[in-house]
Amino acid sequence: MDVETDHGLDLYECPLRSSSVSCPGRNRKIINTTKAPAAIGPYSQAVVVDRTMYVSGQLGMDPASGQLVEGGVQAQTKQALVNMGEILKEAGCGYDSVVKTTVLLADMNDFVSVNDVYKTFFSSSFPARAAYQVAALPRGGLVEIEAVAVLGPLTEVS
């Protein structure tokens, strides 16, 4: 890719460009809501590309104050998932649209406590998930949860 931009790459070029392959455009929409905490860095709360929604990691922050909620890892998990729900709702979907989550923990010993709260939000057809302990989370958070959701109808198959 020899197309010049400010960063040396044309982000809209098809990476496998050739004369015999066309790269169709994709629909992209930024999702933001005041019902969830504002991003604390240069990123969006969520991005939708076609029918796939990528929800940025949510901390257990109160949307009004921008501060972490008190009460430990379970309270922060609940608030992070409530925040995620508001972002999902802004895009017209809910927790049942989530197909993958990633849980980041400041302490892996909190895994069971996080699961106790998590299962109250995802009660059937659990999404795929990974969980990792990290060295630190922004603002001293105890848990951060990101998600991938699919917009529109999903049909369970066996």
N, C-alpha and C. Protein backbone atom coordinates (compact mmCIF):
# COMPACT_ATOMS: atom_id res chain seq x y z
N MET A 1 0.85 -1.17 0.00
CA MET A 1 0.00 0.00 0.00
C MET A 1 0.89 1.23 0.00
N ASP A 2 0.88 1.95 -1.09
CA ASP A 2 1.73 3.12 -1.23
C ASP A 2 0.97 4.42 -1.10
N VAL A 3 -0.28 4.37 -0.72
CA VAL A 3 -1.09 5.57 -0.61
C VAL A 3 -0.68 6.30 0.66
N GLU A 4 -0.36 7.58 0.55
CA GLU A 4 0.10 8.36 1.69
C GLU A 4 -1.06 8.99 2.45
N THR A 5 -0.96 8.96 3.76
CA THR A 5 -1.85 9.69 4.65
C THR A 5 -0.98 10.26 5.75
N ASP A 6 -1.60 10.84 6.76
CA ASP A 6 -0.83 11.39 7.88
C ASP A 6 0.02 10.32 8.56
N HIS A 7 -0.43 9.07 8.54
CA HIS A 7 0.29 7.99 9.21
C HIS A 7 0.98 7.06 8.23
N GLY A 8 0.99 7.40 6.96
CA GLY A 8 1.67 6.58 5.97
C GLY A 8 0.83 5.45 5.40
N LEU A 9 -0.41 5.29 5.88
CA LEU A 9 -1.28 4.24 5.38
C LEU A 9 -2.64 4.80 5.06
N ASP A 10 -3.23 4.32 4.01
CA ASP A 10 -4.62 4.65 3.73
C ASP A 10 -5.47 3.58 4.38
N LEU A 11 -6.13 3.93 5.47
CA LEU A 11 -6.88 2.95 6.25
C LEU A 11 -8.09 2.41 5.51
N TYR A 12 -8.45 3.04 4.41
CA TYR A 12 -9.63 2.59 3.66
C TYR A 12 -9.25 1.70 2.49
N GLU A 13 -7.97 1.48 2.27
CA GLU A 13 -7.54 0.60 1.20
C GLU A 13 -7.81 -0.84 1.59
N CYS A 14 -8.19 -1.64 0.63
CA CYS A 14 -8.36 -3.07 0.87
C CYS A 14 -6.96 -3.69 0.97
N PRO A 15 -6.63 -4.38 2.07
CA PRO A 15 -5.27 -4.90 2.24
C PRO A 15 -4.89 -5.96 1.22
N LEU A 16 -5.84 -6.62 0.61
CA LEU A 16 -5.55 -7.64 -0.39
C LEU A 16 -5.92 -7.14 -1.78
N ARG A 17 -5.61 -5.89 -2.03
CA ARG A 17 -6.01 -5.22 -3.26
C ARG A 17 -5.33 -5.84 -4.47
N SER A 18 -6.12 -6.13 -5.48
CA SER A 18 -5.58 -6.55 -6.77
C SER A 18 -6.61 -6.17 -7.83
N SER A 19 -6.23 -6.28 -9.08
CA SER A 19 -7.15 -5.87 -10.14
C SER A 19 -8.35 -6.81 -10.25
N SER A 20 -8.23 -8.05 -9.74
CA SER A 20 -9.33 -9.00 -9.87
C SER A 20 -10.19 -9.12 -8.61
N VAL A 21 -9.82 -8.43 -7.55
CA VAL A 21 -10.56 -8.52 -6.29
C VAL A 21 -11.08 -7.13 -5.92
N SER A 22 -12.36 -7.05 -5.65
CA SER A 22 -12.89 -5.77 -5.17
C SER A 22 -13.11 -5.86 -3.67
N CYS A 23 -13.04 -4.74 -3.01
CA CYS A 23 -13.19 -4.69 -1.56
C CYS A 23 -14.40 -3.81 -1.27
N PRO A 24 -15.56 -4.41 -0.99
CA PRO A 24 -16.76 -3.60 -0.80
C PRO A 24 -16.66 -2.74 0.46
N GLY A 25 -17.36 -1.62 0.44
CA GLY A 25 -17.38 -0.75 1.61
C GLY A 25 -18.13 -1.40 2.76
N ARG A 26 -17.83 -0.97 3.94
CA ARG A 26 -18.49 -1.46 5.15
C ARG A 26 -19.15 -0.29 5.84
N ASN A 27 -20.26 -0.57 6.50
CA ASN A 27 -20.94 0.46 7.28
C ASN A 27 -20.32 0.50 8.67
N ARG A 28 -20.00 1.71 9.11
CA ARG A 28 -19.38 1.89 10.42
C ARG A 28 -20.13 2.98 11.16
N LYS A 29 -20.47 2.71 12.42
CA LYS A 29 -21.19 3.68 13.23
C LYS A 29 -20.57 3.72 14.62
N ILE A 30 -20.32 4.91 15.12
CA ILE A 30 -19.81 5.10 16.47
C ILE A 30 -21.00 5.17 17.42
N ILE A 31 -20.92 4.45 18.52
CA ILE A 31 -21.98 4.44 19.53
C ILE A 31 -21.47 5.13 20.79
N ASN A 32 -22.20 6.13 21.24
CA ASN A 32 -21.91 6.82 22.49
C ASN A 32 -23.22 7.14 23.18
N THR A 33 -23.23 7.02 24.50
CA THR A 33 -24.39 7.39 25.28
C THR A 33 -23.94 8.06 26.57
N THR A 34 -24.71 9.01 27.05
CA THR A 34 -24.40 9.65 28.32
C THR A 34 -24.83 8.77 29.49
N LYS A 35 -25.51 7.67 29.22
CA LYS A 35 -25.96 6.76 30.28
C LYS A 35 -24.86 5.79 30.71
N ALA A 36 -23.71 5.87 30.05
CA ALA A 36 -22.53 5.11 30.44
C ALA A 36 -21.38 6.11 30.55
N PRO A 37 -20.34 5.77 31.32
CA PRO A 37 -19.23 6.71 31.47
C PRO A 37 -18.60 7.07 30.13
N ALA A 38 -18.22 8.32 30.00
CA ALA A 38 -17.51 8.76 28.80
C ALA A 38 -16.17 8.02 28.72
N ALA A 39 -15.69 7.81 27.51
CA ALA A 39 -14.39 7.19 27.32
C ALA A 39 -13.33 8.03 28.03
N ILE A 40 -12.37 7.36 28.67
CA ILE A 40 -11.32 8.08 29.40
C ILE A 40 -10.03 8.15 28.59
N GLY A 41 -10.15 7.93 27.29
CA GLY A 41 -9.01 8.00 26.38
C GLY A 41 -9.52 8.22 24.97
N PRO A 42 -8.63 8.15 24.00
CA PRO A 42 -9.02 8.38 22.61
C PRO A 42 -9.65 7.14 21.97
N TYR A 43 -10.84 6.81 22.42
CA TYR A 43 -11.58 5.67 21.87
C TYR A 43 -13.07 5.91 22.05
N SER A 44 -13.87 5.13 21.38
CA SER A 44 -15.33 5.23 21.46
C SER A 44 -15.86 4.20 22.45
N GLN A 45 -17.05 4.46 22.98
CA GLN A 45 -17.68 3.46 23.85
C GLN A 45 -17.93 2.17 23.08
N ALA A 46 -18.32 2.31 21.82
CA ALA A 46 -18.53 1.13 20.97
C ALA A 46 -18.49 1.56 19.51
N VAL A 47 -18.22 0.58 18.66
CA VAL A 47 -18.23 0.79 17.21
C VAL A 47 -19.01 -0.37 16.60
N VAL A 48 -19.91 -0.03 15.69
CA VAL A 48 -20.66 -1.04 14.95
C VAL A 48 -20.14 -1.05 13.52
N VAL A 49 -19.79 -2.23 13.03
CA VAL A 49 -19.40 -2.43 11.63
C VAL A 49 -20.35 -3.49 11.09
N ASP A 50 -21.16 -3.07 10.12
CA ASP A 50 -22.23 -3.92 9.60
C ASP A 50 -23.10 -4.38 10.77
N ARG A 51 -23.16 -5.67 11.07
CA ARG A 51 -24.01 -6.15 12.18
C ARG A 51 -23.21 -6.48 13.44
N THR A 52 -21.91 -6.22 13.42
CA THR A 52 -21.08 -6.56 14.57
C THR A 52 -20.76 -5.32 15.39
N MET A 53 -20.98 -5.42 16.69
CA MET A 53 -20.74 -4.31 17.61
C MET A 53 -19.59 -4.67 18.54
N TYR A 54 -18.62 -3.78 18.63
CA TYR A 54 -17.46 -3.95 19.49
C TYR A 54 -17.59 -2.95 20.64
N VAL A 55 -17.81 -3.46 21.85
CA VAL A 55 -17.98 -2.59 23.02
C VAL A 55 -16.65 -2.50 23.74
N SER A 56 -16.16 -1.27 23.91
CA SER A 56 -14.90 -1.06 24.62
C SER A 56 -15.02 -1.53 26.06
N GLY A 57 -13.88 -1.82 26.66
CA GLY A 57 -13.86 -2.28 28.04
C GLY A 57 -14.56 -1.30 28.97
N GLN A 58 -15.44 -1.85 29.79
CA GLN A 58 -16.19 -1.05 30.75
C GLN A 58 -15.68 -1.32 32.16
N LEU A 59 -15.38 -0.24 32.85
CA LEU A 59 -15.01 -0.31 34.26
C LEU A 59 -16.26 -0.11 35.09
N GLY A 60 -16.15 -0.38 36.36
CA GLY A 60 -17.28 -0.17 37.27
C GLY A 60 -17.38 1.28 37.72
N MET A 61 -17.52 2.17 36.74
CA MET A 61 -17.58 3.61 37.02
C MET A 61 -19.01 4.12 36.97
N ASP A 62 -19.33 5.00 37.89
CA ASP A 62 -20.62 5.67 37.88
C ASP A 62 -20.63 6.67 36.73
N PRO A 63 -21.63 6.62 35.85
CA PRO A 63 -21.65 7.53 34.69
C PRO A 63 -21.73 9.00 35.09
N ALA A 64 -22.41 9.30 36.18
CA ALA A 64 -22.59 10.70 36.58
C ALA A 64 -21.31 11.30 37.15
N SER A 65 -20.64 10.56 38.02
CA SER A 65 -19.45 11.10 38.70
C SER A 65 -18.15 10.77 37.98
N GLY A 66 -18.15 9.71 37.18
CA GLY A 66 -16.92 9.27 36.54
C GLY A 66 -15.97 8.57 37.50
N GLN A 67 -16.46 8.25 38.70
CA GLN A 67 -15.65 7.58 39.71
C GLN A 67 -16.02 6.11 39.81
N LEU A 68 -15.06 5.29 40.22
CA LEU A 68 -15.35 3.88 40.47
C LEU A 68 -16.35 3.77 41.61
N VAL A 69 -17.28 2.83 41.48
CA VAL A 69 -18.25 2.62 42.55
C VAL A 69 -17.56 1.94 43.73
N GLU A 70 -18.08 2.19 44.91
CA GLU A 70 -17.56 1.55 46.11
C GLU A 70 -18.23 0.21 46.31
N GLY A 71 -17.58 -0.66 47.09
CA GLY A 71 -18.19 -1.94 47.41
C GLY A 71 -17.43 -3.14 46.90
N GLY A 72 -16.26 -2.93 46.32
CA GLY A 72 -15.42 -4.04 45.90
C GLY A 72 -15.71 -4.55 44.50
N VAL A 73 -15.16 -5.72 44.22
CA VAL A 73 -15.18 -6.26 42.86
C VAL A 73 -16.59 -6.60 42.39
N GLN A 74 -17.46 -7.07 43.28
CA GLN A 74 -18.82 -7.39 42.83
C GLN A 74 -19.59 -6.13 42.45
N ALA A 75 -19.44 -5.07 43.22
CA ALA A 75 -20.11 -3.81 42.89
C ALA A 75 -19.57 -3.24 41.59
N GLN A 76 -18.25 -3.33 41.38
CA GLN A 76 -17.66 -2.82 40.14
C GLN A 76 -18.07 -3.68 38.94
N THR A 77 -18.17 -4.99 39.13
CA THR A 77 -18.63 -5.87 38.05
C THR A 77 -20.05 -5.52 37.65
N LYS A 78 -20.91 -5.37 38.64
CA LYS A 78 -22.31 -5.02 38.35
C LYS A 78 -22.38 -3.71 37.60
N GLN A 79 -21.64 -2.69 38.04
CA GLN A 79 -21.70 -1.39 37.37
C GLN A 79 -21.13 -1.46 35.97
N ALA A 80 -20.04 -2.22 35.78
CA ALA A 80 -19.46 -2.37 34.44
C ALA A 80 -20.47 -3.00 33.49
N LEU A 81 -21.21 -3.99 33.97
CA LEU A 81 -22.21 -4.66 33.12
C LEU A 81 -23.44 -3.79 32.90
N VAL A 82 -23.82 -3.00 33.88
CA VAL A 82 -24.91 -2.03 33.69
C VAL A 82 -24.49 -1.02 32.62
N ASN A 83 -23.25 -0.52 32.71
CA ASN A 83 -22.74 0.42 31.70
C ASN A 83 -22.76 -0.21 30.32
N MET A 84 -22.31 -1.46 30.23
CA MET A 84 -22.33 -2.17 28.95
C MET A 84 -23.76 -2.26 28.43
N GLY A 85 -24.70 -2.55 29.30
CA GLY A 85 -26.10 -2.66 28.90
C GLY A 85 -26.64 -1.37 28.31
N GLU A 86 -26.24 -0.24 28.87
CA GLU A 86 -26.68 1.06 28.33
C GLU A 86 -26.11 1.30 26.94
N ILE A 87 -24.88 0.88 26.72
CA ILE A 87 -24.26 1.02 25.40
C ILE A 87 -24.95 0.09 24.41
N LEU A 88 -25.21 -1.14 24.82
CA LEU A 88 -25.94 -2.08 23.96
C LEU A 88 -27.32 -1.52 23.60
N LYS A 89 -28.00 -0.98 24.60
CA LYS A 89 -29.34 -0.42 24.39
C LYS A 89 -29.29 0.75 23.40
N GLU A 90 -28.26 1.57 23.48
CA GLU A 90 -28.11 2.70 22.55
C GLU A 90 -28.05 2.22 21.11
N ALA A 91 -27.51 1.02 20.90
CA ALA A 91 -27.41 0.44 19.55
C ALA A 91 -28.63 -0.40 19.20
N GLY A 92 -29.60 -0.49 20.12
CA GLY A 92 -30.82 -1.23 19.83
C GLY A 92 -30.76 -2.71 20.13
N CYS A 93 -29.88 -3.12 21.02
CA CYS A 93 -29.82 -4.54 21.37
C CYS A 93 -29.64 -4.70 22.87
N GLY A 94 -29.43 -5.92 23.31
CA GLY A 94 -29.30 -6.20 24.74
C GLY A 94 -28.26 -7.27 24.99
N TYR A 95 -28.22 -7.73 26.23
CA TYR A 95 -27.23 -8.73 26.63
C TYR A 95 -27.34 -10.02 25.81
N ASP A 96 -28.54 -10.34 25.34
CA ASP A 96 -28.71 -11.57 24.55
C ASP A 96 -28.07 -11.47 23.17
N SER A 97 -27.63 -10.27 22.79
CA SER A 97 -26.93 -10.09 21.51
C SER A 97 -25.42 -10.29 21.65
N VAL A 98 -24.93 -10.38 22.87
CA VAL A 98 -23.49 -10.51 23.12
C VAL A 98 -23.04 -11.94 22.82
N VAL A 99 -22.00 -12.06 21.99
CA VAL A 99 -21.49 -13.38 21.61
C VAL A 99 -20.10 -13.66 22.18
N LYS A 100 -19.42 -12.62 22.69
CA LYS A 100 -18.06 -12.80 23.24
C LYS A 100 -17.78 -11.69 24.23
N THR A 101 -17.20 -12.05 25.36
CA THR A 101 -16.72 -11.04 26.31
C THR A 101 -15.28 -11.37 26.69
N THR A 102 -14.59 -10.35 27.13
CA THR A 102 -13.26 -10.50 27.72
C THR A 102 -13.30 -9.81 29.07
N VAL A 103 -12.92 -10.54 30.11
CA VAL A 103 -12.92 -10.01 31.47
C VAL A 103 -11.47 -9.83 31.90
N LEU A 104 -11.14 -8.62 32.30
CA LEU A 104 -9.80 -8.32 32.81
C LEU A 104 -9.91 -8.11 34.31
N LEU A 105 -9.09 -8.82 35.06
CA LEU A 105 -9.15 -8.76 36.52
C LEU A 105 -7.83 -8.26 37.09
N ALA A 106 -7.92 -7.40 38.09
CA ALA A 106 -6.72 -6.98 38.81
C ALA A 106 -6.19 -8.13 39.67
N ASP A 107 -7.08 -9.03 40.08
CA ASP A 107 -6.71 -10.17 40.92
C ASP A 107 -7.53 -11.39 40.50
N MET A 108 -6.88 -12.43 40.00
CA MET A 108 -7.59 -13.62 39.54
C MET A 108 -8.35 -14.31 40.67
N ASN A 109 -8.01 -14.02 41.90
CA ASN A 109 -8.76 -14.58 43.04
C ASN A 109 -10.19 -14.06 43.07
N ASP A 110 -10.49 -13.00 42.31
CA ASP A 110 -11.85 -12.45 42.23
C ASP A 110 -12.71 -13.13 41.17
N PHE A 111 -12.16 -14.13 40.49
CA PHE A 111 -12.86 -14.80 39.39
C PHE A 111 -14.25 -15.30 39.79
N VAL A 112 -14.36 -15.99 40.91
CA VAL A 112 -15.64 -16.54 41.35
C VAL A 112 -16.62 -15.42 41.70
N SER A 113 -16.14 -14.39 42.36
CA SER A 113 -17.01 -13.26 42.72
C SER A 113 -17.55 -12.56 41.49
N VAL A 114 -16.71 -12.41 40.47
CA VAL A 114 -17.15 -11.80 39.22
C VAL A 114 -18.18 -12.70 38.55
N ASN A 115 -17.94 -14.00 38.53
CA ASN A 115 -18.89 -14.94 37.92
C ASN A 115 -20.26 -14.87 38.58
N ASP A 116 -20.29 -14.69 39.90
CA ASP A 116 -21.56 -14.62 40.62
C ASP A 116 -22.42 -13.46 40.11
N VAL A 117 -21.80 -12.34 39.79
CA VAL A 117 -22.54 -11.20 39.25
C VAL A 117 -22.80 -11.39 37.76
N TYR A 118 -21.79 -11.83 37.03
CA TYR A 118 -21.87 -12.00 35.58
C TYR A 118 -23.06 -12.86 35.17
N LYS A 119 -23.28 -13.96 35.89
CA LYS A 119 -24.35 -14.89 35.51
C LYS A 119 -25.74 -14.31 35.74
N THR A 120 -25.86 -13.20 36.45
CA THR A 120 -27.17 -12.55 36.60
C THR A 120 -27.50 -11.68 35.39
N PHE A 121 -26.50 -11.34 34.58
CA PHE A 121 -26.72 -10.55 33.37
C PHE A 121 -26.81 -11.45 32.14
N PHE A 122 -26.07 -12.53 32.13
CA PHE A 122 -26.07 -13.50 31.03
C PHE A 122 -26.59 -14.81 31.60
N SER A 123 -27.91 -15.01 31.52
CA SER A 123 -28.50 -16.14 32.21
C SER A 123 -28.76 -17.36 31.33
N SER A 124 -28.65 -17.20 30.02
CA SER A 124 -28.80 -18.36 29.13
C SER A 124 -28.02 -18.07 27.86
N SER A 125 -27.69 -19.11 27.16
CA SER A 125 -26.87 -18.95 25.95
C SER A 125 -25.68 -18.04 26.24
N PHE A 126 -24.88 -18.45 27.22
CA PHE A 126 -23.74 -17.64 27.63
C PHE A 126 -22.83 -17.33 26.45
N PRO A 127 -22.31 -16.10 26.38
CA PRO A 127 -21.36 -15.78 25.33
C PRO A 127 -20.02 -16.50 25.57
N ALA A 128 -19.25 -16.65 24.52
CA ALA A 128 -17.87 -17.12 24.68
C ALA A 128 -17.14 -16.08 25.54
N ARG A 129 -16.11 -16.52 26.26
CA ARG A 129 -15.46 -15.58 27.17
C ARG A 129 -14.02 -15.97 27.42
N ALA A 130 -13.21 -14.97 27.65
CA ALA A 130 -11.85 -15.17 28.16
C ALA A 130 -11.71 -14.28 29.38
N ALA A 131 -10.88 -14.71 30.32
CA ALA A 131 -10.61 -13.91 31.52
C ALA A 131 -9.11 -13.92 31.78
N TYR A 132 -8.58 -12.75 32.09
CA TYR A 132 -7.15 -12.61 32.32
C TYR A 132 -6.91 -11.76 33.56
N GLN A 133 -5.83 -12.07 34.26
CA GLN A 133 -5.36 -11.16 35.30
C GLN A 133 -4.36 -10.23 34.63
N VAL A 134 -4.47 -8.95 34.95
CA VAL A 134 -3.58 -7.94 34.37
C VAL A 134 -2.82 -7.24 35.49
N ALA A 135 -1.74 -6.57 35.14
CA ALA A 135 -0.92 -5.88 36.13
C ALA A 135 -1.69 -4.73 36.79
N ALA A 136 -2.49 -4.04 36.01
CA ALA A 136 -3.26 -2.91 36.54
C ALA A 136 -4.34 -2.54 35.55
N LEU A 137 -5.40 -1.91 36.06
CA LEU A 137 -6.49 -1.41 35.23
C LEU A 137 -6.59 0.10 35.42
N PRO A 138 -7.14 0.81 34.43
CA PRO A 138 -7.27 2.26 34.56
C PRO A 138 -8.01 2.65 35.83
N ARG A 139 -7.59 3.76 36.39
CA ARG A 139 -8.23 4.35 37.58
C ARG A 139 -8.21 3.43 38.79
N GLY A 140 -7.40 2.39 38.77
CA GLY A 140 -7.33 1.47 39.90
C GLY A 140 -8.50 0.50 39.96
N GLY A 141 -9.18 0.32 38.82
CA GLY A 141 -10.32 -0.59 38.77
C GLY A 141 -9.94 -2.02 39.12
N LEU A 142 -10.92 -2.77 39.56
CA LEU A 142 -10.72 -4.17 39.92
C LEU A 142 -11.12 -5.12 38.80
N VAL A 143 -11.99 -4.64 37.89
CA VAL A 143 -12.47 -5.47 36.78
C VAL A 143 -12.82 -4.57 35.60
N GLU A 144 -12.58 -5.07 34.41
CA GLU A 144 -12.97 -4.38 33.17
C GLU A 144 -13.52 -5.46 32.24
N ILE A 145 -14.62 -5.14 31.56
CA ILE A 145 -15.26 -6.12 30.69
C ILE A 145 -15.55 -5.49 29.33
N GLU A 146 -15.07 -6.14 28.26
CA GLU A 146 -15.38 -5.72 26.90
C GLU A 146 -16.23 -6.78 26.25
N ALA A 147 -16.88 -6.42 25.13
CA ALA A 147 -17.80 -7.37 24.51
C ALA A 147 -17.85 -7.20 23.00
N VAL A 148 -18.27 -8.28 22.35
CA VAL A 148 -18.62 -8.27 20.93
C VAL A 148 -20.07 -8.75 20.86
N ALA A 149 -20.90 -7.99 20.15
CA ALA A 149 -22.32 -8.35 20.01
C ALA A 149 -22.68 -8.36 18.53
N VAL A 150 -23.75 -9.06 18.21
CA VAL A 150 -24.27 -9.10 16.85
C VAL A 150 -25.65 -8.46 16.87
N LEU A 151 -25.83 -7.44 16.04
CA LEU A 151 -27.11 -6.74 15.97
C LEU A 151 -28.09 -7.52 15.11
N GLY A 152 -29.35 -7.38 15.42
CA GLY A 152 -30.38 -8.06 14.65
C GLY A 152 -30.66 -9.44 15.21
N PRO A 153 -31.55 -10.15 14.55
CA PRO A 153 -31.99 -11.44 15.08
C PRO A 153 -30.88 -12.50 15.05
N LEU A 154 -30.85 -13.29 16.12
CA LEU A 154 -29.96 -14.44 16.21
C LEU A 154 -30.83 -15.67 16.44
N THR A 155 -30.58 -16.72 15.72
CA THR A 155 -31.34 -17.95 15.87
C THR A 155 -30.44 -19.02 16.47
N GLU A 156 -30.89 -19.61 17.58
CA GLU A 156 -30.14 -20.71 18.20
C GLU A 156 -30.30 -21.95 17.34
N VAL A 157 -29.20 -22.61 17.06
CA VAL A 157 -29.23 -23.87 16.33
C VAL A 157 -28.53 -24.93 17.16
N SER A 158 -28.89 -26.17 16.92
CA SER A 158 -28.23 -27.24 17.69
C SER A 158 -27.43 -28.15 16.79
